[in-house]
């Protein structure tokens, strides 16, 4: 983002606060976040239902992690992101994109949301229509795929912890969740390796 120390940055897709913690470890930025997660220990993370009025949050920049493809109305989501930052401020939007128009890749996106990834051209068009001028679009797939592989390497340890859970019902729930996630990310990794799915970083600035 090339922002000064103490800049105000909003993070879309903040999860339960992990990205905010990462940013704090190497920057002095003052961060707030929005998340699909229902609860977070980090008070700086708010649910999207708590959207403030744009005038109350003139952030100096924004980061978005894999959020627009989940929205039923990606244009509305991008417009919301643009409304949170100052005119001329940078916004880095990282998201899944697909190689061909209309591709759904249902095995890779089984979660209960109405959205789906679009092509790089379509995604860039939605950003432009939302008032975010796209200056650059970079394929980050080769950097992202190894993160999935690294996660699989640690999966066995997490599975062993879940299997040792004494509560029978909770143990069954944890093991089912882990099994579902591993299958989901295995399909995504395969799609990334075959070029059907990509991770694209869009460097933008708010126009108006």
Protein backbone atom coordinates (compact mmCIF):
# COMPACT_ATOMS: atom_id res chain seq x y z
CA UNK A 1 0.00 0.00 0.00
CA UNK A 2 3.02 2.31 0.41
CA UNK A 3 1.38 4.14 3.30
CA UNK A 4 3.06 6.16 6.01
CA UNK A 5 3.45 4.92 9.60
CA UNK A 6 0.31 5.43 11.70
CA UNK A 7 -1.89 5.36 8.60
CA UNK A 8 -5.46 4.15 9.13
CA UNK A 9 -6.07 0.90 7.25
CA UNK A 10 -9.28 -1.11 6.98
CA UNK A 11 -9.08 -4.87 6.39
CA UNK A 12 -11.96 -6.66 4.68
CA UNK A 13 -11.88 -10.39 5.33
CA UNK A 14 -10.25 -10.01 8.75
CA UNK A 15 -11.55 -13.37 9.97
CA UNK A 16 -11.28 -13.54 13.75
CA UNK A 17 -8.44 -11.02 13.79
CA UNK A 18 -5.43 -12.91 12.44
CA UNK A 19 -4.65 -10.46 9.59
CA UNK A 20 -4.81 -7.53 12.01
CA UNK A 21 -2.31 -9.30 14.26
CA UNK A 22 -0.01 -9.92 11.32
CA UNK A 23 -0.15 -6.27 10.28
CA UNK A 24 0.59 -5.16 13.84
CA UNK A 25 3.74 -7.31 13.90
CA UNK A 26 5.45 -5.39 11.07
CA UNK A 27 3.72 -2.03 10.84
CA UNK A 28 2.49 0.84 12.95
CA UNK A 29 -0.75 1.14 11.02
CA UNK A 30 -3.95 1.70 12.96
CA UNK A 31 -6.20 -1.08 11.74
CA UNK A 32 -9.87 -1.96 11.84
CA UNK A 33 -11.48 -4.93 10.18
CA UNK A 34 -14.69 -6.43 8.84
CA UNK A 35 -15.42 -10.13 8.74
CA UNK A 36 -17.97 -12.77 7.83
CA UNK A 37 -17.13 -14.41 11.18
CA UNK A 38 -19.87 -14.15 13.76
CA UNK A 39 -17.55 -13.43 16.66
CA UNK A 40 -13.98 -12.30 17.26
CA UNK A 41 -11.89 -11.68 20.35
CA UNK A 42 -10.40 -8.67 18.59
CA UNK A 43 -12.65 -5.67 19.17
CA UNK A 44 -11.30 -4.06 16.02
CA UNK A 45 -13.10 -6.70 13.91
CA UNK A 46 -16.74 -5.94 13.13
CA UNK A 47 -19.35 -8.00 11.26
CA UNK A 48 -20.50 -6.61 7.92
CA UNK A 49 -23.91 -6.01 9.47
CA UNK A 50 -22.30 -3.23 11.53
CA UNK A 51 -21.29 -1.20 8.47
CA UNK A 52 -20.64 2.44 9.41
CA UNK A 53 -21.46 5.46 7.34
CA UNK A 54 -18.62 6.31 4.95
CA UNK A 55 -18.12 9.77 6.44
CA UNK A 56 -17.21 8.29 9.81
CA UNK A 57 -14.34 6.14 8.49
CA UNK A 58 -11.99 8.02 6.15
CA UNK A 59 -9.29 5.35 6.06
CA UNK A 60 -5.98 5.94 4.29
CA UNK A 61 -6.04 2.55 2.58
CA UNK A 62 -7.72 -0.84 2.42
CA UNK A 63 -6.84 -4.51 2.12
CA UNK A 64 -9.37 -7.14 1.07
CA UNK A 65 -8.67 -10.86 1.44
CA UNK A 66 -10.87 -13.23 -0.62
CA UNK A 67 -14.17 -11.47 0.06
CA UNK A 68 -15.77 -10.15 -3.15
CA UNK A 69 -16.26 -13.62 -4.67
CA UNK A 70 -18.37 -14.59 -1.65
CA UNK A 71 -20.82 -11.71 -2.07
CA UNK A 72 -24.12 -12.17 -3.87
CA UNK A 73 -23.58 -8.64 -5.19
CA UNK A 74 -19.85 -8.14 -5.75
CA UNK A 75 -20.42 -4.63 -7.12
CA UNK A 76 -22.14 -3.60 -3.89
CA UNK A 77 -19.31 -5.12 -1.85
CA UNK A 78 -16.66 -3.26 -3.86
CA UNK A 79 -18.64 -0.03 -3.53
CA UNK A 80 -18.73 -0.54 0.24
CA UNK A 81 -14.95 -1.06 0.26
CA UNK A 82 -14.46 2.13 -1.76
CA UNK A 83 -16.69 4.09 0.62
CA UNK A 84 -14.38 3.28 3.55
CA UNK A 85 -11.32 5.04 2.14
CA UNK A 86 -10.40 8.56 1.12
CA UNK A 87 -10.52 9.71 -2.49
CA UNK A 88 -7.16 8.80 -4.04
CA UNK A 89 -6.39 6.23 -1.34
CA UNK A 90 -4.99 2.82 -2.34
CA UNK A 91 -6.86 -0.46 -1.95
CA UNK A 92 -5.29 -3.87 -2.54
CA UNK A 93 -7.96 -6.42 -3.38
CA UNK A 94 -6.86 -10.07 -3.34
CA UNK A 95 -9.34 -12.67 -4.54
CA UNK A 96 -9.92 -15.88 -6.41
CA UNK A 97 -10.49 -15.55 -10.16
CA UNK A 98 -11.33 -18.19 -12.76
CA UNK A 99 -9.84 -18.89 -16.17
CA UNK A 100 -13.08 -18.77 -18.12
CA UNK A 101 -16.32 -16.88 -17.83
CA UNK A 102 -19.16 -18.70 -16.09
CA UNK A 103 -16.94 -21.31 -14.41
CA UNK A 104 -18.42 -22.25 -11.03
CA UNK A 105 -15.93 -24.86 -9.75
CA UNK A 106 -18.57 -26.12 -7.34
CA UNK A 107 -16.29 -28.60 -5.59
CA UNK A 108 -13.95 -25.72 -4.73
CA UNK A 109 -16.68 -23.41 -3.42
CA UNK A 110 -19.18 -25.48 -1.49
CA UNK A 111 -19.80 -22.96 1.28
CA UNK A 112 -23.34 -21.55 1.71
CA UNK A 113 -22.90 -18.19 0.00
CA UNK A 114 -24.46 -16.85 -3.15
CA UNK A 115 -21.35 -15.51 -4.87
CA UNK A 116 -18.71 -17.13 -7.06
CA UNK A 117 -15.34 -16.13 -8.55
CA UNK A 118 -15.30 -14.36 -11.90
CA UNK A 119 -12.56 -13.90 -14.49
CA UNK A 120 -9.80 -11.36 -13.99
CA UNK A 121 -11.39 -9.08 -16.61
CA UNK A 122 -14.84 -9.32 -15.01
CA UNK A 123 -13.45 -8.72 -11.53
CA UNK A 124 -11.50 -5.67 -12.70
CA UNK A 125 -14.66 -4.31 -14.38
CA UNK A 126 -16.62 -4.64 -11.12
CA UNK A 127 -13.88 -2.77 -9.26
CA UNK A 128 -13.86 0.02 -11.84
CA UNK A 129 -17.64 0.34 -11.72
CA UNK A 130 -17.43 0.64 -7.93
CA UNK A 131 -15.11 3.64 -8.22
CA UNK A 132 -11.81 1.83 -7.73
CA UNK A 133 -9.38 2.50 -10.58
CA UNK A 134 -7.41 -0.69 -11.31
CA UNK A 135 -3.76 0.17 -11.82
CA UNK A 136 -2.42 -3.38 -11.92
CA UNK A 137 -3.55 -7.00 -11.70
CA UNK A 138 -0.96 -9.60 -10.69
CA UNK A 139 -1.31 -13.39 -10.66
CA UNK A 140 -0.20 -14.51 -7.18
CA UNK A 141 -1.10 -18.19 -7.61
CA UNK A 142 2.50 -19.43 -7.47
CA UNK A 143 2.92 -17.74 -4.09
CA UNK A 144 -0.43 -18.85 -2.70
CA UNK A 145 -0.41 -22.56 -3.60
CA UNK A 146 2.59 -23.36 -1.35
CA UNK A 147 0.64 -21.96 1.61
CA UNK A 148 -1.99 -24.66 1.07
CA UNK A 149 0.72 -27.33 0.90
CA UNK A 150 2.20 -26.00 4.13
CA UNK A 151 -1.22 -26.19 5.74
CA UNK A 152 -1.58 -29.84 4.71
CA UNK A 153 1.80 -30.57 6.31
CA UNK A 154 0.45 -29.34 9.64
CA UNK A 155 -2.98 -30.92 9.24
CA UNK A 156 -2.04 -34.25 10.84
CA UNK A 157 -1.06 -32.56 14.10
CA UNK A 158 -4.39 -30.69 14.25
CA UNK A 159 -6.25 -33.91 13.43
CA UNK A 160 -4.51 -35.74 16.30
CA UNK A 161 -5.52 -32.98 18.73
CA UNK A 162 -9.15 -33.20 17.58
CA UNK A 163 -9.11 -36.99 17.84
CA UNK A 164 -7.98 -36.72 21.47
CA UNK A 165 -10.99 -34.55 22.41
CA UNK A 166 -12.78 -36.40 25.29
CA UNK A 167 -16.25 -35.04 24.48
CA UNK A 168 -17.70 -37.51 21.96
CA UNK A 169 -20.07 -35.09 20.23
CA UNK A 170 -17.47 -32.32 20.01
CA UNK A 171 -14.87 -34.78 18.74
CA UNK A 172 -17.19 -35.93 15.96
CA UNK A 173 -17.95 -32.31 15.00
CA UNK A 174 -14.26 -31.35 14.93
CA UNK A 175 -13.25 -34.37 12.85
CA UNK A 176 -16.08 -33.77 10.36
CA UNK A 177 -15.08 -30.11 10.00
CA UNK A 178 -11.41 -30.98 9.46
CA UNK A 179 -12.33 -33.63 6.91
CA UNK A 180 -14.51 -31.16 5.01
CA UNK A 181 -11.83 -28.47 4.99
CA UNK A 182 -9.13 -30.86 3.79
CA UNK A 183 -11.31 -32.03 0.89
CA UNK A 184 -12.21 -28.45 -0.02
CA UNK A 185 -8.61 -27.25 -0.09
CA UNK A 186 -7.44 -30.36 -1.95
CA UNK A 187 -9.90 -29.48 -4.73
CA UNK A 188 -8.80 -25.85 -4.70
CA UNK A 189 -5.13 -26.81 -4.88
CA UNK A 190 -5.84 -29.08 -7.85
CA UNK A 191 -7.75 -26.27 -9.60
CA UNK A 192 -4.90 -23.84 -8.93
CA UNK A 193 -2.31 -26.25 -10.32
CA UNK A 194 -4.33 -26.88 -13.50
CA UNK A 195 -4.94 -23.17 -14.10
CA UNK A 196 -8.72 -23.30 -13.71
CA UNK A 197 -8.51 -21.20 -10.54
CA UNK A 198 -6.14 -18.32 -9.78
CA UNK A 199 -5.34 -15.92 -6.98
CA UNK A 200 -5.14 -12.38 -8.31
CA UNK A 201 -3.99 -9.20 -6.58
CA UNK A 202 -5.62 -6.01 -7.85
CA UNK A 203 -3.87 -2.73 -7.03
CA UNK A 204 -6.50 0.02 -7.07
CA UNK A 205 -7.16 3.60 -5.99
CA UNK A 206 -10.44 5.25 -5.18
CA UNK A 207 -11.46 7.63 -7.95
CA UNK A 208 -14.41 9.51 -6.44
